[in-house]
Amino acid sequence: MLSGYCGTLLTPMAANFNVVPAALLEREDKYLVVKVQAVPALVILAANIALMYTLAF
């Protein structure tokens, strides 16, 4: 449950949800928001996996 939202930042659902802010900001690439979210999502996912591996097991 700690890492579930990391995947949703990269899914088509996130793309649909983030098209509106991109349109309001008048960005040429409407998927730029999802592309920017990919790096933090993967970093948070890796950190959560490392923490759970060391603290839970």
N, C-alpha and C. Protein backbone atom coordinates (compact mmCIF):
# COMPACT_ATOMS: atom_id res chain seq x y z
N MET A 1 0.81 -1.19 0.00
CA MET A 1 0.00 0.00 0.00
C MET A 1 0.85 1.26 0.00
N LEU A 2 2.07 1.15 0.51
CA LEU A 2 2.94 2.33 0.52
C LEU A 2 3.36 2.73 -0.89
N SER A 3 3.50 1.75 -1.77
CA SER A 3 4.04 2.02 -3.10
C SER A 3 2.98 2.00 -4.19
N GLY A 4 1.75 1.79 -3.85
CA GLY A 4 0.70 1.66 -4.86
C GLY A 4 0.54 2.89 -5.73
N TYR A 5 0.68 4.05 -5.15
CA TYR A 5 0.48 5.28 -5.92
C TYR A 5 1.61 5.52 -6.91
N CYS A 6 2.78 4.89 -6.71
CA CYS A 6 3.89 5.09 -7.65
C CYS A 6 3.53 4.57 -9.03
N GLY A 7 2.84 3.45 -9.09
CA GLY A 7 2.42 2.90 -10.37
C GLY A 7 1.34 3.73 -11.02
N THR A 8 0.44 4.30 -10.23
CA THR A 8 -0.65 5.08 -10.81
C THR A 8 -0.16 6.39 -11.41
N LEU A 9 1.03 6.84 -11.03
CA LEU A 9 1.58 8.05 -11.64
C LEU A 9 2.00 7.80 -13.09
N LEU A 10 2.16 6.54 -13.47
CA LEU A 10 2.68 6.21 -14.79
C LEU A 10 1.66 5.52 -15.68
N THR A 11 0.43 5.38 -15.24
CA THR A 11 -0.57 4.64 -15.99
C THR A 11 -1.36 5.55 -16.93
N PRO A 12 -2.15 4.94 -17.81
CA PRO A 12 -3.03 5.76 -18.66
C PRO A 12 -4.02 6.60 -17.85
N MET A 13 -4.41 6.11 -16.68
CA MET A 13 -5.30 6.89 -15.83
C MET A 13 -4.63 8.21 -15.43
N ALA A 14 -3.35 8.15 -15.13
CA ALA A 14 -2.62 9.38 -14.79
C ALA A 14 -2.55 10.30 -16.00
N ALA A 15 -2.39 9.71 -17.17
CA ALA A 15 -2.34 10.54 -18.37
C ALA A 15 -3.65 11.28 -18.57
N ASN A 16 -4.76 10.59 -18.38
CA ASN A 16 -6.07 11.24 -18.53
C ASN A 16 -6.28 12.30 -17.45
N PHE A 17 -5.85 12.01 -16.25
CA PHE A 17 -6.03 12.95 -15.15
C PHE A 17 -5.15 14.19 -15.32
N ASN A 18 -3.97 14.02 -15.91
CA ASN A 18 -3.02 15.12 -16.02
C ASN A 18 -3.11 15.89 -17.34
N VAL A 19 -3.98 15.49 -18.23
CA VAL A 19 -4.15 16.22 -19.50
C VAL A 19 -4.77 17.59 -19.22
N VAL A 20 -5.65 17.67 -18.24
CA VAL A 20 -6.32 18.94 -17.94
C VAL A 20 -5.32 20.00 -17.46
N PRO A 21 -4.44 19.69 -16.46
CA PRO A 21 -3.46 20.71 -16.08
C PRO A 21 -2.53 21.10 -17.24
N ALA A 22 -2.17 20.11 -18.07
CA ALA A 22 -1.31 20.42 -19.21
C ALA A 22 -2.03 21.34 -20.19
N ALA A 23 -3.32 21.13 -20.37
CA ALA A 23 -4.09 21.99 -21.27
C ALA A 23 -4.23 23.40 -20.68
N LEU A 24 -4.43 23.46 -19.37
CA LEU A 24 -4.55 24.77 -18.73
C LEU A 24 -3.24 25.55 -18.77
N LEU A 25 -2.12 24.83 -18.70
CA LEU A 25 -0.81 25.48 -18.78
C LEU A 25 -0.37 25.73 -20.23
N GLU A 26 -1.21 25.26 -21.17
CA GLU A 26 -0.96 25.43 -22.61
C GLU A 26 0.38 24.86 -23.02
N ARG A 27 0.65 23.62 -22.58
CA ARG A 27 1.87 22.92 -22.96
C ARG A 27 1.68 22.27 -24.32
N GLU A 28 2.74 22.23 -25.10
CA GLU A 28 2.66 21.58 -26.41
C GLU A 28 2.54 20.07 -26.25
N ASP A 29 3.32 19.50 -25.33
CA ASP A 29 3.27 18.06 -25.07
C ASP A 29 2.33 17.82 -23.89
N LYS A 30 1.14 17.26 -24.18
CA LYS A 30 0.18 17.09 -23.11
C LYS A 30 0.56 15.98 -22.14
N TYR A 31 1.53 15.15 -22.49
CA TYR A 31 1.99 14.07 -21.60
C TYR A 31 3.25 14.44 -20.84
N LEU A 32 3.64 15.70 -20.89
CA LEU A 32 4.84 16.15 -20.19
C LEU A 32 4.72 15.95 -18.69
N VAL A 33 3.53 16.14 -18.15
CA VAL A 33 3.32 15.98 -16.70
C VAL A 33 3.61 14.54 -16.29
N VAL A 34 3.15 13.57 -17.07
CA VAL A 34 3.39 12.16 -16.77
C VAL A 34 4.88 11.84 -16.90
N LYS A 35 5.53 12.39 -17.91
CA LYS A 35 6.96 12.15 -18.09
C LYS A 35 7.77 12.70 -16.92
N VAL A 36 7.38 13.84 -16.41
CA VAL A 36 8.09 14.44 -15.28
C VAL A 36 7.83 13.63 -14.00
N GLN A 37 6.64 13.08 -13.86
CA GLN A 37 6.31 12.29 -12.68
C GLN A 37 6.99 10.93 -12.66
N ALA A 38 7.48 10.45 -13.79
CA ALA A 38 8.05 9.11 -13.86
C ALA A 38 9.28 8.97 -12.97
N VAL A 39 10.17 9.92 -12.99
CA VAL A 39 11.41 9.81 -12.21
C VAL A 39 11.13 9.81 -10.70
N PRO A 40 10.36 10.76 -10.16
CA PRO A 40 10.07 10.69 -8.72
C PRO A 40 9.31 9.42 -8.33
N ALA A 41 8.41 8.95 -9.20
CA ALA A 41 7.66 7.74 -8.89
C ALA A 41 8.60 6.54 -8.76
N LEU A 42 9.55 6.42 -9.66
CA LEU A 42 10.48 5.30 -9.60
C LEU A 42 11.43 5.41 -8.41
N VAL A 43 11.84 6.63 -8.07
CA VAL A 43 12.71 6.82 -6.90
C VAL A 43 11.96 6.47 -5.62
N ILE A 44 10.72 6.93 -5.49
CA ILE A 44 9.93 6.62 -4.31
C ILE A 44 9.66 5.12 -4.22
N LEU A 45 9.37 4.49 -5.34
CA LEU A 45 9.14 3.05 -5.36
C LEU A 45 10.39 2.30 -4.89
N ALA A 46 11.55 2.67 -5.40
CA ALA A 46 12.80 2.02 -5.00
C ALA A 46 13.07 2.24 -3.51
N ALA A 47 12.83 3.44 -3.02
CA ALA A 47 13.04 3.72 -1.59
C ALA A 47 12.09 2.91 -0.72
N ASN A 48 10.82 2.81 -1.13
CA ASN A 48 9.86 2.02 -0.36
C ASN A 48 10.23 0.54 -0.35
N ILE A 49 10.67 0.03 -1.49
CA ILE A 49 11.08 -1.38 -1.56
C ILE A 49 12.29 -1.61 -0.66
N ALA A 50 13.26 -0.72 -0.70
CA ALA A 50 14.46 -0.87 0.14
C ALA A 50 14.09 -0.81 1.62
N LEU A 51 13.24 0.14 1.99
CA LEU A 51 12.83 0.25 3.39
C LEU A 51 12.05 -0.99 3.86
N MET A 52 11.15 -1.46 3.03
CA MET A 52 10.38 -2.65 3.42
C MET A 52 11.28 -3.88 3.49
N TYR A 53 12.24 -3.97 2.60
CA TYR A 53 13.15 -5.12 2.61
C TYR A 53 14.00 -5.12 3.87
N THR A 54 14.48 -3.96 4.28
CA THR A 54 15.36 -3.90 5.44
C THR A 54 14.59 -3.88 6.76
N LEU A 55 13.45 -3.24 6.82
CA LEU A 55 12.73 -3.11 8.08
C LEU A 55 11.69 -4.20 8.32
N ALA A 56 11.11 -4.72 7.27
CA ALA A 56 10.03 -5.68 7.43
C ALA A 56 10.51 -7.13 7.42
N PHE A 57 11.62 -7.39 6.76
CA PHE A 57 12.07 -8.78 6.66
C PHE A 57 13.33 -8.98 7.42
